[in-house]
Amino acid sequence: MKDIERFVSGFRSFQKEYFGSHGSHFEQLRRSQSPRTMLIGCSDSRVDPATLTRSRPGDLFIVRNIANLVPPCEREPGRHGVSAAIEYAVCQLEVEDIIVMGHSNCGGIGCLMRGCCQVSSDSFLERWMSIAAPARERVLAELQGKDEALLRRAVEQASILLSIENLHSFPFVKERIEAGRLSLHGWYFDLDAGSLLEYDQTERLFVPTGDSQQASSG
């Protein structure tokens, strides 16, 4: 109950800041939104995208789910919430960038690493995490004999790249990328180091962002 009271108090502060006599920021947002970036992040309570990027309301179109996964484009019956959000962001909002942001110590990837995520399972969590099974299989094949912590980190990062790969399977995403109207980015937030890594396509690995590198070495 104390948490609820704190959240309500927090809303009142937000209300005063954004809707008070000096709250001009929401004048435009009341009518419409026009974010230029979509961010697909994890539901983990420690990695709130708006907090990490110091974004204001209206800056990011955010989708959060377990392990920040993007399923491949599928047409069979079902409730495709993430796919619908991607379509809305790309086709309606016409975002210019999509960021897939994963993180260290991800609980969903931990479940995947324990081998408990099967497509045939009755568990919602296991069926969802089976999307990342190819990333796990790829890492285990390439890094045989490595310690558990290194393998988990590698799968966390490989699942980001798998999600980016799956984004290309949506025709409207692929079309805009080829037209130079949309860019995809892979980010990895290291909770232990407090640093942000981004995928470098030339180097084919995750490297510290400029600001993150300065902070971690300072």
N, C-alpha and C. Protein backbone atom coordinates (compact mmCIF):
# COMPACT_ATOMS: atom_id res chain seq x y z
N MET A 1 0.83 -1.21 0.00
CA MET A 1 0.00 0.00 0.00
C MET A 1 0.86 1.26 0.00
N LYS A 2 2.01 1.18 0.69
CA LYS A 2 2.89 2.34 0.73
C LYS A 2 3.39 2.69 -0.67
N ASP A 3 3.65 1.65 -1.49
CA ASP A 3 4.09 1.91 -2.86
C ASP A 3 3.01 2.65 -3.64
N ILE A 4 1.75 2.22 -3.49
CA ILE A 4 0.66 2.88 -4.20
C ILE A 4 0.56 4.34 -3.81
N GLU A 5 0.69 4.61 -2.53
CA GLU A 5 0.63 6.00 -2.06
C GLU A 5 1.78 6.82 -2.66
N ARG A 6 2.95 6.19 -2.75
CA ARG A 6 4.11 6.89 -3.33
C ARG A 6 3.88 7.17 -4.82
N PHE A 7 3.28 6.22 -5.51
CA PHE A 7 3.01 6.40 -6.94
C PHE A 7 2.00 7.53 -7.17
N VAL A 8 0.97 7.58 -6.33
CA VAL A 8 -0.03 8.64 -6.44
C VAL A 8 0.61 10.00 -6.18
N SER A 9 1.48 10.05 -5.17
CA SER A 9 2.19 11.29 -4.87
C SER A 9 3.07 11.69 -6.04
N GLY A 10 3.70 10.69 -6.66
CA GLY A 10 4.53 10.96 -7.84
C GLY A 10 3.72 11.52 -8.98
N PHE A 11 2.52 10.97 -9.17
CA PHE A 11 1.66 11.50 -10.24
C PHE A 11 1.30 12.96 -9.99
N ARG A 12 1.05 13.29 -8.74
CA ARG A 12 0.70 14.67 -8.44
C ARG A 12 1.84 15.62 -8.78
N SER A 13 3.08 15.18 -8.55
CA SER A 13 4.23 15.99 -8.93
C SER A 13 4.31 16.13 -10.44
N PHE A 14 4.08 15.01 -11.14
CA PHE A 14 4.06 15.02 -12.60
C PHE A 14 2.97 15.96 -13.11
N GLN A 15 1.80 15.86 -12.52
CA GLN A 15 0.66 16.69 -12.93
C GLN A 15 0.99 18.18 -12.77
N LYS A 16 1.62 18.51 -11.68
CA LYS A 16 1.97 19.90 -11.41
C LYS A 16 3.01 20.41 -12.41
N GLU A 17 3.98 19.53 -12.72
CA GLU A 17 5.06 19.94 -13.63
C GLU A 17 4.58 20.08 -15.07
N TYR A 18 3.77 19.13 -15.53
CA TYR A 18 3.40 19.09 -16.94
C TYR A 18 2.04 19.70 -17.26
N PHE A 19 1.16 19.83 -16.27
CA PHE A 19 -0.17 20.37 -16.52
C PHE A 19 -0.46 21.63 -15.73
N GLY A 20 0.52 22.10 -14.96
CA GLY A 20 0.32 23.31 -14.17
C GLY A 20 0.39 24.56 -15.04
N SER A 21 0.45 25.69 -14.41
CA SER A 21 0.43 26.96 -15.13
C SER A 21 1.61 27.13 -16.08
N HIS A 22 2.71 26.41 -15.79
CA HIS A 22 3.88 26.52 -16.66
C HIS A 22 4.08 25.26 -17.51
N GLY A 23 3.08 24.39 -17.52
CA GLY A 23 3.22 23.12 -18.23
C GLY A 23 2.89 23.22 -19.70
N SER A 24 3.69 23.92 -20.45
CA SER A 24 3.42 24.11 -21.89
C SER A 24 3.76 22.88 -22.72
N HIS A 25 4.57 21.97 -22.17
CA HIS A 25 5.01 20.81 -22.94
C HIS A 25 3.84 19.96 -23.42
N PHE A 26 2.79 19.88 -22.62
CA PHE A 26 1.67 19.02 -22.97
C PHE A 26 0.62 19.71 -23.85
N GLU A 27 0.83 20.97 -24.17
CA GLU A 27 -0.13 21.67 -25.04
C GLU A 27 -0.29 20.94 -26.37
N GLN A 28 0.86 20.58 -27.00
CA GLN A 28 0.82 19.86 -28.27
C GLN A 28 0.47 18.39 -28.05
N LEU A 29 1.00 17.80 -26.99
CA LEU A 29 0.78 16.38 -26.75
C LEU A 29 -0.67 16.06 -26.45
N ARG A 30 -1.42 17.02 -25.97
CA ARG A 30 -2.84 16.79 -25.73
C ARG A 30 -3.56 16.41 -27.03
N ARG A 31 -3.08 16.95 -28.14
CA ARG A 31 -3.75 16.76 -29.43
C ARG A 31 -3.20 15.56 -30.20
N SER A 32 -1.89 15.35 -30.13
CA SER A 32 -1.30 14.27 -30.92
C SER A 32 0.11 13.96 -30.41
N GLN A 33 0.65 12.86 -30.90
CA GLN A 33 2.03 12.51 -30.61
C GLN A 33 2.80 12.37 -31.91
N SER A 34 4.08 12.67 -31.86
CA SER A 34 4.91 12.53 -33.06
C SER A 34 6.34 12.13 -32.68
N PRO A 35 6.49 11.03 -31.94
CA PRO A 35 7.83 10.58 -31.60
C PRO A 35 8.59 10.14 -32.84
N ARG A 36 9.85 10.38 -32.88
CA ARG A 36 10.67 9.98 -34.01
C ARG A 36 11.33 8.63 -33.79
N THR A 37 11.24 8.12 -32.56
CA THR A 37 11.93 6.87 -32.22
C THR A 37 11.01 5.91 -31.49
N MET A 38 11.08 4.65 -31.89
CA MET A 38 10.43 3.57 -31.16
C MET A 38 11.50 2.81 -30.39
N LEU A 39 11.19 2.44 -29.15
CA LEU A 39 12.13 1.63 -28.37
C LEU A 39 11.42 0.38 -27.87
N ILE A 40 12.01 -0.76 -28.17
CA ILE A 40 11.48 -2.04 -27.72
C ILE A 40 12.39 -2.52 -26.59
N GLY A 41 11.86 -2.50 -25.37
CA GLY A 41 12.67 -2.81 -24.20
C GLY A 41 12.07 -3.93 -23.37
N CYS A 42 12.78 -4.28 -22.31
CA CYS A 42 12.35 -5.35 -21.42
C CYS A 42 11.42 -4.81 -20.35
N SER A 43 10.53 -5.65 -19.85
CA SER A 43 9.61 -5.27 -18.79
C SER A 43 10.29 -5.16 -17.43
N ASP A 44 11.54 -5.58 -17.35
CA ASP A 44 12.29 -5.56 -16.10
C ASP A 44 12.17 -4.19 -15.42
N SER A 45 11.86 -4.20 -14.13
CA SER A 45 11.61 -2.96 -13.38
C SER A 45 12.85 -2.08 -13.25
N ARG A 46 14.04 -2.67 -13.52
CA ARG A 46 15.29 -1.91 -13.34
C ARG A 46 15.71 -1.14 -14.58
N VAL A 47 15.05 -1.37 -15.70
CA VAL A 47 15.54 -0.81 -16.97
C VAL A 47 14.45 -0.02 -17.69
N ASP A 48 13.90 0.95 -17.00
CA ASP A 48 12.88 1.81 -17.61
C ASP A 48 13.52 2.69 -18.69
N PRO A 49 13.09 2.58 -19.94
CA PRO A 49 13.73 3.32 -21.04
C PRO A 49 13.71 4.83 -20.86
N ALA A 50 12.58 5.37 -20.41
CA ALA A 50 12.47 6.82 -20.25
C ALA A 50 13.43 7.33 -19.18
N THR A 51 13.57 6.55 -18.11
CA THR A 51 14.49 6.94 -17.04
C THR A 51 15.93 6.87 -17.52
N LEU A 52 16.28 5.79 -18.20
CA LEU A 52 17.67 5.60 -18.65
C LEU A 52 18.09 6.64 -19.68
N THR A 53 17.16 7.07 -20.52
CA THR A 53 17.50 8.04 -21.57
C THR A 53 17.12 9.47 -21.21
N ARG A 54 16.55 9.64 -20.01
CA ARG A 54 16.10 10.96 -19.56
C ARG A 54 15.15 11.59 -20.60
N SER A 55 14.25 10.77 -21.11
CA SER A 55 13.30 11.24 -22.13
C SER A 55 12.09 11.88 -21.48
N ARG A 56 11.49 12.81 -22.19
CA ARG A 56 10.26 13.44 -21.75
C ARG A 56 9.07 12.74 -22.41
N PRO A 57 7.86 12.91 -21.86
CA PRO A 57 6.68 12.38 -22.54
C PRO A 57 6.63 12.88 -23.98
N GLY A 58 6.36 11.95 -24.90
CA GLY A 58 6.29 12.31 -26.31
C GLY A 58 7.56 12.02 -27.08
N ASP A 59 8.67 11.72 -26.38
CA ASP A 59 9.93 11.49 -27.07
C ASP A 59 10.06 10.08 -27.64
N LEU A 60 9.56 9.10 -26.90
CA LEU A 60 9.73 7.70 -27.28
C LEU A 60 8.38 6.99 -27.39
N PHE A 61 8.24 6.17 -28.42
CA PHE A 61 7.12 5.25 -28.51
C PHE A 61 7.66 3.91 -28.00
N ILE A 62 7.18 3.47 -26.85
CA ILE A 62 7.83 2.36 -26.15
C ILE A 62 6.95 1.12 -26.11
N VAL A 63 7.57 -0.01 -26.40
CA VAL A 63 6.94 -1.32 -26.20
C VAL A 63 7.86 -2.11 -25.27
N ARG A 64 7.29 -2.65 -24.20
CA ARG A 64 8.10 -3.45 -23.27
C ARG A 64 7.48 -4.83 -23.12
N ASN A 65 8.33 -5.83 -23.13
CA ASN A 65 7.89 -7.21 -22.94
C ASN A 65 9.02 -8.00 -22.29
N ILE A 66 8.75 -9.25 -21.96
CA ILE A 66 9.78 -10.07 -21.35
C ILE A 66 10.93 -10.28 -22.34
N ALA A 67 12.13 -9.83 -21.95
CA ALA A 67 13.36 -10.03 -22.72
C ALA A 67 13.43 -9.22 -24.01
N ASN A 68 12.62 -8.15 -24.10
CA ASN A 68 12.67 -7.23 -25.25
C ASN A 68 12.71 -7.96 -26.59
N LEU A 69 11.81 -8.91 -26.77
CA LEU A 69 11.82 -9.73 -27.98
C LEU A 69 10.88 -9.18 -29.06
N VAL A 70 11.29 -9.39 -30.30
CA VAL A 70 10.44 -9.12 -31.46
C VAL A 70 10.18 -10.45 -32.14
N PRO A 71 8.93 -10.88 -32.25
CA PRO A 71 8.64 -12.13 -32.95
C PRO A 71 8.77 -11.91 -34.45
N PRO A 72 8.97 -12.97 -35.21
CA PRO A 72 8.95 -12.81 -36.67
C PRO A 72 7.55 -12.44 -37.14
N CYS A 73 7.47 -11.86 -38.32
CA CYS A 73 6.17 -11.50 -38.88
C CYS A 73 5.37 -12.77 -39.13
N GLU A 74 4.21 -12.89 -38.49
CA GLU A 74 3.36 -14.06 -38.61
C GLU A 74 1.94 -13.63 -38.92
N ARG A 75 1.25 -14.38 -39.76
CA ARG A 75 -0.09 -14.00 -40.19
C ARG A 75 -1.19 -14.88 -39.62
N GLU A 76 -0.83 -15.99 -38.95
CA GLU A 76 -1.88 -16.87 -38.44
C GLU A 76 -2.65 -16.18 -37.33
N PRO A 77 -3.87 -16.67 -37.04
CA PRO A 77 -4.69 -16.03 -36.01
C PRO A 77 -3.97 -15.95 -34.68
N GLY A 78 -4.21 -14.87 -33.98
CA GLY A 78 -3.58 -14.66 -32.69
C GLY A 78 -3.63 -13.19 -32.33
N ARG A 79 -3.21 -12.88 -31.14
CA ARG A 79 -3.19 -11.49 -30.69
C ARG A 79 -1.74 -11.02 -30.70
N HIS A 80 -1.35 -10.38 -31.77
CA HIS A 80 0.05 -10.03 -31.99
C HIS A 80 0.31 -8.60 -31.52
N GLY A 81 0.42 -8.43 -30.20
CA GLY A 81 0.55 -7.09 -29.63
C GLY A 81 1.81 -6.37 -30.05
N VAL A 82 2.95 -7.06 -30.00
CA VAL A 82 4.21 -6.41 -30.37
C VAL A 82 4.21 -6.07 -31.85
N SER A 83 3.73 -6.99 -32.66
CA SER A 83 3.68 -6.74 -34.11
C SER A 83 2.76 -5.56 -34.44
N ALA A 84 1.63 -5.47 -33.73
CA ALA A 84 0.70 -4.37 -33.96
C ALA A 84 1.36 -3.04 -33.59
N ALA A 85 2.12 -3.03 -32.49
CA ALA A 85 2.80 -1.81 -32.07
C ALA A 85 3.86 -1.39 -33.08
N ILE A 86 4.57 -2.35 -33.64
CA ILE A 86 5.57 -2.04 -34.66
C ILE A 86 4.91 -1.45 -35.89
N GLU A 87 3.81 -2.05 -36.32
CA GLU A 87 3.09 -1.54 -37.48
C GLU A 87 2.60 -0.11 -37.23
N TYR A 88 2.07 0.13 -36.04
CA TYR A 88 1.57 1.47 -35.73
C TYR A 88 2.71 2.48 -35.73
N ALA A 89 3.83 2.12 -35.12
CA ALA A 89 4.97 3.04 -35.04
C ALA A 89 5.52 3.37 -36.41
N VAL A 90 5.62 2.34 -37.26
CA VAL A 90 6.25 2.53 -38.57
C VAL A 90 5.27 3.14 -39.58
N CYS A 91 4.06 2.62 -39.64
CA CYS A 91 3.12 3.03 -40.69
C CYS A 91 2.28 4.25 -40.32
N GLN A 92 1.98 4.42 -39.04
CA GLN A 92 1.16 5.56 -38.62
C GLN A 92 2.00 6.72 -38.10
N LEU A 93 2.91 6.43 -37.17
CA LEU A 93 3.75 7.49 -36.61
C LEU A 93 4.95 7.81 -37.50
N GLU A 94 5.31 6.87 -38.37
CA GLU A 94 6.44 7.04 -39.29
C GLU A 94 7.74 7.37 -38.52
N VAL A 95 8.02 6.54 -37.52
CA VAL A 95 9.26 6.74 -36.77
C VAL A 95 10.46 6.55 -37.69
N GLU A 96 11.55 7.19 -37.33
CA GLU A 96 12.76 7.13 -38.14
C GLU A 96 13.79 6.14 -37.60
N ASP A 97 13.64 5.77 -36.33
CA ASP A 97 14.56 4.84 -35.69
C ASP A 97 13.80 3.86 -34.82
N ILE A 98 14.27 2.61 -34.79
CA ILE A 98 13.77 1.62 -33.85
C ILE A 98 14.97 1.08 -33.08
N ILE A 99 14.90 1.18 -31.76
CA ILE A 99 15.94 0.67 -30.88
C ILE A 99 15.43 -0.58 -30.19
N VAL A 100 16.21 -1.66 -30.24
CA VAL A 100 15.94 -2.83 -29.42
C VAL A 100 16.96 -2.80 -28.29
N MET A 101 16.48 -2.64 -27.06
CA MET A 101 17.38 -2.49 -25.92
C MET A 101 17.24 -3.65 -24.95
N GLY A 102 18.31 -4.46 -24.86
CA GLY A 102 18.36 -5.54 -23.89
C GLY A 102 19.21 -5.13 -22.71
N HIS A 103 19.42 -6.07 -21.79
CA HIS A 103 20.20 -5.73 -20.60
C HIS A 103 20.79 -6.98 -19.96
N SER A 104 21.74 -6.77 -19.08
CA SER A 104 22.37 -7.88 -18.36
C SER A 104 21.43 -8.40 -17.27
N ASN A 105 21.69 -9.62 -16.82
CA ASN A 105 20.91 -10.25 -15.75
C ASN A 105 19.42 -10.30 -16.06
N CYS A 106 19.10 -10.59 -17.31
CA CYS A 106 17.70 -10.64 -17.75
C CYS A 106 17.06 -11.95 -17.28
N GLY A 107 15.94 -11.85 -16.57
CA GLY A 107 15.27 -13.02 -16.06
C GLY A 107 14.71 -13.92 -17.15
N GLY A 108 14.20 -13.31 -18.21
CA GLY A 108 13.67 -14.10 -19.32
C GLY A 108 14.75 -14.93 -19.99
N ILE A 109 15.92 -14.33 -20.20
CA ILE A 109 17.03 -15.07 -20.79
C ILE A 109 17.52 -16.14 -19.83
N GLY A 110 17.45 -15.85 -18.52
CA GLY A 110 17.81 -16.86 -17.53
C GLY A 110 16.93 -18.09 -17.66
N CYS A 111 15.63 -17.87 -17.88
CA CYS A 111 14.70 -18.97 -18.10
C CYS A 111 15.09 -19.74 -19.36
N LEU A 112 15.41 -19.02 -20.40
CA LEU A 112 15.81 -19.64 -21.67
C LEU A 112 17.07 -20.47 -21.49
N MET A 113 18.05 -19.95 -20.74
CA MET A 113 19.31 -20.66 -20.55
C MET A 113 19.12 -21.95 -19.77
N ARG A 114 18.10 -22.01 -18.94
CA ARG A 114 17.84 -23.24 -18.19
C ARG A 114 17.14 -24.29 -19.05
N GLY A 115 16.86 -23.92 -20.31
CA GLY A 115 16.27 -24.88 -21.23
C GLY A 115 14.81 -25.17 -20.96
N CYS A 116 14.10 -24.23 -20.34
CA CYS A 116 12.72 -24.49 -19.94
C CYS A 116 11.70 -23.81 -20.84
N CYS A 117 12.13 -23.35 -22.01
CA CYS A 117 11.21 -22.59 -22.87
C CYS A 117 10.89 -23.38 -24.14
N GLN A 118 9.71 -23.94 -24.19
CA GLN A 118 9.30 -24.78 -25.30
C GLN A 118 8.05 -24.21 -25.97
N VAL A 119 8.00 -24.30 -27.29
CA VAL A 119 6.84 -23.81 -28.04
C VAL A 119 5.57 -24.55 -27.63
N SER A 120 5.71 -25.84 -27.31
CA SER A 120 4.55 -26.66 -26.98
C SER A 120 4.08 -26.50 -25.54
N SER A 121 4.78 -25.72 -24.76
CA SER A 121 4.44 -25.58 -23.34
C SER A 121 3.13 -24.81 -23.16
N ASP A 122 2.44 -25.10 -22.05
CA ASP A 122 1.23 -24.35 -21.69
C ASP A 122 1.57 -23.04 -21.00
N SER A 123 2.83 -22.83 -20.66
CA SER A 123 3.26 -21.62 -19.98
C SER A 123 3.37 -20.47 -20.98
N PHE A 124 2.74 -19.35 -20.67
CA PHE A 124 2.84 -18.17 -21.53
C PHE A 124 4.30 -17.73 -21.63
N LEU A 125 5.00 -17.76 -20.50
CA LEU A 125 6.39 -17.32 -20.47
C LEU A 125 7.27 -18.20 -21.35
N GLU A 126 7.13 -19.51 -21.22
CA GLU A 126 7.97 -20.41 -22.00
C GLU A 126 7.71 -20.28 -23.49
N ARG A 127 6.45 -20.18 -23.87
CA ARG A 127 6.13 -20.04 -25.30
C ARG A 127 6.70 -18.73 -25.85
N TRP A 128 6.61 -17.65 -25.04
CA TRP A 128 7.13 -16.37 -25.49
C TRP A 128 8.64 -16.43 -25.65
N MET A 129 9.33 -16.99 -24.66
CA MET A 129 10.79 -17.04 -24.69
C MET A 129 11.33 -17.98 -25.76
N SER A 130 10.48 -18.87 -26.26
CA SER A 130 10.94 -19.76 -27.34
C SER A 130 11.30 -18.97 -28.60
N ILE A 131 10.84 -17.72 -28.69
CA ILE A 131 11.22 -16.86 -29.82
C ILE A 131 12.74 -16.71 -29.87
N ALA A 132 13.38 -16.66 -28.69
CA ALA A 132 14.83 -16.44 -28.62
C ALA A 132 15.63 -17.73 -28.65
N ALA A 133 14.97 -18.87 -28.80
CA ALA A 133 15.68 -20.16 -28.81
C ALA A 133 16.81 -20.21 -29.86
N PRO A 134 16.61 -19.67 -31.08
CA PRO A 134 17.71 -19.69 -32.06
C PRO A 134 18.95 -18.96 -31.57
N ALA A 135 18.77 -17.88 -30.79
CA ALA A 135 19.92 -17.14 -30.25
C ALA A 135 20.68 -18.02 -29.27
N ARG A 136 19.98 -18.72 -28.40
CA ARG A 136 20.62 -19.62 -27.44
C ARG A 136 21.37 -20.73 -28.16
N GLU A 137 20.73 -21.34 -29.15
CA GLU A 137 21.36 -22.44 -29.87
C GLU A 137 22.62 -21.98 -30.58
N ARG A 138 22.58 -20.79 -31.16
CA ARG A 138 23.73 -20.25 -31.88
C ARG A 138 24.91 -20.01 -30.93
N VAL A 139 24.62 -19.43 -29.78
CA VAL A 139 25.68 -19.13 -28.81
C VAL A 139 26.28 -20.42 -28.25
N LEU A 140 25.45 -21.37 -27.88
CA LEU A 140 25.95 -22.61 -27.32
C LEU A 140 26.82 -23.37 -28.32
N ALA A 141 26.49 -23.25 -29.59
CA ALA A 141 27.29 -23.92 -30.62
C ALA A 141 28.63 -23.23 -30.83
N GLU A 142 28.64 -21.89 -30.73
CA GLU A 142 29.86 -21.13 -31.00
C GLU A 142 30.77 -21.00 -29.79
N LEU A 143 30.20 -21.09 -28.59
CA LEU A 143 30.99 -20.87 -27.37
C LEU A 143 30.94 -22.08 -26.45
N GLN A 144 31.16 -23.22 -27.00
CA GLN A 144 31.13 -24.45 -26.22
C GLN A 144 32.19 -24.41 -25.11
N GLY A 145 31.80 -24.83 -23.92
CA GLY A 145 32.74 -24.93 -22.83
C GLY A 145 32.97 -23.66 -22.04
N LYS A 146 32.35 -22.56 -22.45
CA LYS A 146 32.54 -21.29 -21.74
C LYS A 146 31.69 -21.29 -20.46
N ASP A 147 32.04 -20.40 -19.53
CA ASP A 147 31.32 -20.38 -18.26
C ASP A 147 29.91 -19.81 -18.44
N GLU A 148 29.07 -20.11 -17.46
CA GLU A 148 27.65 -19.79 -17.55
C GLU A 148 27.39 -18.30 -17.69
N ALA A 149 28.12 -17.46 -16.94
CA ALA A 149 27.90 -16.01 -16.99
C ALA A 149 28.20 -15.45 -18.38
N LEU A 150 29.29 -15.92 -18.98
CA LEU A 150 29.64 -15.44 -20.32
C LEU A 150 28.60 -15.89 -21.34
N LEU A 151 28.12 -17.12 -21.22
CA LEU A 151 27.11 -17.63 -22.15
C LEU A 151 25.81 -16.84 -22.04
N ARG A 152 25.42 -16.55 -20.81
CA ARG A 152 24.17 -15.80 -20.61
C ARG A 152 24.28 -14.40 -21.21
N ARG A 153 25.38 -13.73 -20.99
CA ARG A 153 25.59 -12.40 -21.56
C ARG A 153 25.56 -12.46 -23.08
N ALA A 154 26.20 -13.49 -23.62
CA ALA A 154 26.24 -13.65 -25.08
C ALA A 154 24.84 -13.87 -25.64
N VAL A 155 24.01 -14.65 -24.93
CA VAL A 155 22.64 -14.90 -25.41
C VAL A 155 21.80 -13.64 -25.26
N GLU A 156 22.01 -12.87 -24.20
CA GLU A 156 21.30 -11.60 -24.04
C GLU A 156 21.56 -10.69 -25.23
N GLN A 157 22.81 -10.64 -25.66
CA GLN A 157 23.15 -9.78 -26.79
C GLN A 157 22.70 -10.40 -28.12
N ALA A 158 22.84 -11.72 -28.24
CA ALA A 158 22.42 -12.38 -29.47
C ALA A 158 20.91 -12.27 -29.68
N SER A 159 20.14 -12.23 -28.59
CA SER A 159 18.69 -12.11 -28.72
C SER A 159 18.29 -10.72 -29.24
N ILE A 160 19.11 -9.71 -28.93
CA ILE A 160 18.87 -8.37 -29.48
C ILE A 160 19.02 -8.41 -31.00
N LEU A 161 20.09 -9.07 -31.44
CA LEU A 161 20.33 -9.16 -32.89
C LEU A 161 19.26 -10.00 -33.57
N LEU A 162 18.78 -11.03 -32.88
CA LEU A 162 17.70 -11.84 -33.44
C LEU A 162 16.43 -11.02 -33.60
N SER A 163 16.15 -10.16 -32.62
CA SER A 163 14.97 -9.30 -32.72
C SER A 163 15.10 -8.32 -33.89
N ILE A 164 16.30 -7.79 -34.08
CA ILE A 164 16.54 -6.90 -35.22
C ILE A 164 16.35 -7.68 -36.52
N GLU A 165 16.84 -8.90 -36.55
CA GLU A 165 16.65 -9.76 -37.73
C GLU A 165 15.17 -9.99 -37.98
N ASN A 166 14.41 -10.23 -36.92
CA ASN A 166 12.96 -10.45 -37.07
C ASN A 166 12.24 -9.19 -37.53
N LEU A 167 12.74 -8.03 -37.15
CA LEU A 167 12.14 -6.78 -37.62
C LEU A 167 12.19 -6.71 -39.15
N HIS A 168 13.26 -7.21 -39.72
CA HIS A 168 13.39 -7.19 -41.19
C HIS A 168 12.34 -8.07 -41.87
N SER A 169 11.72 -8.99 -41.11
CA SER A 169 10.72 -9.87 -41.72
C SER A 169 9.38 -9.18 -41.94
N PHE A 170 9.20 -7.99 -41.37
CA PHE A 170 7.97 -7.22 -41.59
C PHE A 170 8.14 -6.41 -42.89
N PRO A 171 7.29 -6.64 -43.88
CA PRO A 171 7.46 -5.96 -45.18
C PRO A 171 7.53 -4.45 -45.07
N PHE A 172 6.70 -3.84 -44.23
CA PHE A 172 6.68 -2.38 -44.14
C PHE A 172 7.96 -1.86 -43.46
N VAL A 173 8.58 -2.66 -42.61
CA VAL A 173 9.86 -2.27 -42.01
C VAL A 173 10.97 -2.36 -43.06
N LYS A 174 11.03 -3.49 -43.74
CA LYS A 174 12.06 -3.71 -44.76
C LYS A 174 11.98 -2.64 -45.85
N GLU A 175 10.77 -2.31 -46.27
CA GLU A 175 10.57 -1.31 -47.32
C GLU A 175 11.15 0.04 -46.92
N ARG A 176 10.90 0.46 -45.70
CA ARG A 176 11.38 1.77 -45.24
C ARG A 176 12.88 1.77 -44.99
N ILE A 177 13.43 0.64 -44.56
CA ILE A 177 14.89 0.56 -44.41
C ILE A 177 15.56 0.72 -45.76
N GLU A 178 15.05 0.01 -46.75
CA GLU A 178 15.63 0.07 -48.09
C GLU A 178 15.49 1.45 -48.71
N ALA A 179 14.46 2.18 -48.30
CA ALA A 179 14.24 3.54 -48.82
C ALA A 179 15.03 4.59 -48.04
N GLY A 180 15.75 4.14 -47.01
CA GLY A 180 16.54 5.08 -46.20
C GLY A 180 15.70 5.91 -45.24
N ARG A 181 14.50 5.44 -44.94
CA ARG A 181 13.59 6.19 -44.07
C ARG A 181 13.54 5.64 -42.65
N LEU A 182 14.22 4.53 -42.41
CA LEU A 182 14.16 3.88 -41.10
C LEU A 182 15.49 3.21 -40.80
N SER A 183 15.96 3.37 -39.57
CA SER A 183 17.21 2.74 -39.12
C SER A 183 16.94 1.91 -37.88
N LEU A 184 17.63 0.78 -37.76
CA LEU A 184 17.49 -0.10 -36.61
C LEU A 184 18.76 -0.07 -35.77
N HIS A 185 18.59 -0.15 -34.44
CA HIS A 185 19.73 -0.05 -33.52
C HIS A 185 19.61 -1.10 -32.43
N GLY A 186 20.72 -1.71 -32.06
CA GLY A 186 20.77 -2.66 -30.96
C GLY A 186 21.53 -2.08 -29.78
N TRP A 187 20.88 -1.99 -28.62
CA TRP A 187 21.51 -1.45 -27.40
C TRP A 187 21.50 -2.52 -26.32
N TYR A 188 22.52 -2.46 -25.47
CA TYR A 188 22.63 -3.40 -24.34
C TYR A 188 23.05 -2.62 -23.11
N PHE A 189 22.18 -2.63 -22.10
CA PHE A 189 22.47 -1.92 -20.85
C PHE A 189 23.09 -2.89 -19.86
N ASP A 190 24.33 -2.60 -19.47
CA ASP A 190 25.07 -3.42 -18.51
C ASP A 190 24.76 -2.91 -17.11
N LEU A 191 23.94 -3.65 -16.37
CA LEU A 191 23.54 -3.23 -15.04
C LEU A 191 24.71 -3.19 -14.06
N ASP A 192 25.66 -4.11 -14.22
CA ASP A 192 26.79 -4.17 -13.30
C ASP A 192 27.74 -2.99 -13.50
N ALA A 193 28.03 -2.66 -14.73
CA ALA A 193 28.98 -1.59 -15.02
C ALA A 193 28.30 -0.22 -15.12
N GLY A 194 26.99 -0.22 -15.24
CA GLY A 194 26.28 1.05 -15.44
C GLY A 194 26.62 1.68 -16.77
N SER A 195 26.82 0.85 -17.78
CA SER A 195 27.21 1.36 -19.10
C SER A 195 26.23 0.90 -20.18
N LEU A 196 26.23 1.64 -21.27
CA LEU A 196 25.37 1.33 -22.41
C LEU A 196 26.24 0.94 -23.60
N LEU A 197 25.96 -0.22 -24.16
CA LEU A 197 26.68 -0.69 -25.34
C LEU A 197 25.75 -0.63 -26.54
N GLU A 198 26.31 -0.38 -27.70
CA GLU A 198 25.54 -0.39 -28.94
C GLU A 198 26.21 -1.30 -29.95
N TYR A 199 25.40 -1.93 -30.79
CA TYR A 199 25.95 -2.88 -31.74
C TYR A 199 26.59 -2.15 -32.90
N ASP A 200 27.84 -2.45 -33.16
CA ASP A 200 28.60 -1.87 -34.26
C ASP A 200 28.58 -2.88 -35.41
N GLN A 201 27.90 -2.55 -36.49
CA GLN A 201 27.77 -3.48 -37.61
C GLN A 201 29.10 -3.74 -38.30
N THR A 202 29.99 -2.76 -38.28
CA THR A 202 31.30 -2.94 -38.91
C THR A 202 32.16 -3.90 -38.10
N GLU A 203 32.21 -3.67 -36.78
CA GLU A 203 33.00 -4.52 -35.90
C GLU A 203 32.29 -5.83 -35.57
N ARG A 204 30.98 -5.85 -35.78
CA ARG A 204 30.15 -7.02 -35.49
C ARG A 204 30.20 -7.41 -34.01
N LEU A 205 30.15 -6.39 -33.17
CA LEU A 205 30.09 -6.63 -31.73
C LEU A 205 29.52 -5.40 -31.03
N PHE A 206 29.19 -5.58 -29.74
CA PHE A 206 28.65 -4.48 -28.96
C PHE A 206 29.80 -3.69 -28.35
N VAL A 207 29.77 -2.38 -28.56
CA VAL A 207 30.84 -1.51 -28.06
C VAL A 207 30.23 -0.40 -27.22
N PRO A 208 30.98 0.15 -26.25
CA PRO A 208 30.44 1.22 -25.42
C PRO A 208 30.10 2.44 -26.26
N THR A 209 28.96 3.06 -25.91
CA THR A 209 28.67 4.35 -26.53
C THR A 209 29.67 5.36 -26.00
N GLY A 210 29.83 6.48 -26.70
CA GLY A 210 30.82 7.49 -26.30
C GLY A 210 30.64 7.97 -24.89
N ASP A 211 29.42 8.39 -24.53
CA ASP A 211 29.15 8.91 -23.19
C ASP A 211 29.27 7.81 -22.15
N SER A 212 28.80 6.59 -22.52
CA SER A 212 28.85 5.47 -21.57
C SER A 212 30.29 5.12 -21.25
N GLN A 213 31.15 5.15 -22.26
CA GLN A 213 32.54 4.80 -22.09
C GLN A 213 33.23 5.79 -21.16
N GLN A 214 32.91 7.09 -21.32
CA GLN A 214 33.50 8.10 -20.48
C GLN A 214 33.07 7.93 -19.02
N ALA A 215 31.78 7.58 -18.82
CA ALA A 215 31.26 7.44 -17.47
C ALA A 215 31.89 6.25 -16.76
N SER A 216 32.06 5.12 -17.51
CA SER A 216 32.58 3.92 -16.89
C SER A 216 34.07 4.01 -16.61
N SER A 217 34.76 4.91 -17.30
CA SER A 217 36.20 5.02 -17.11
C SER A 217 36.57 6.19 -16.23
N GLY A 218 35.55 6.98 -15.85
CA GLY A 218 35.82 8.18 -15.06
C GLY A 218 35.88 7.90 -13.57
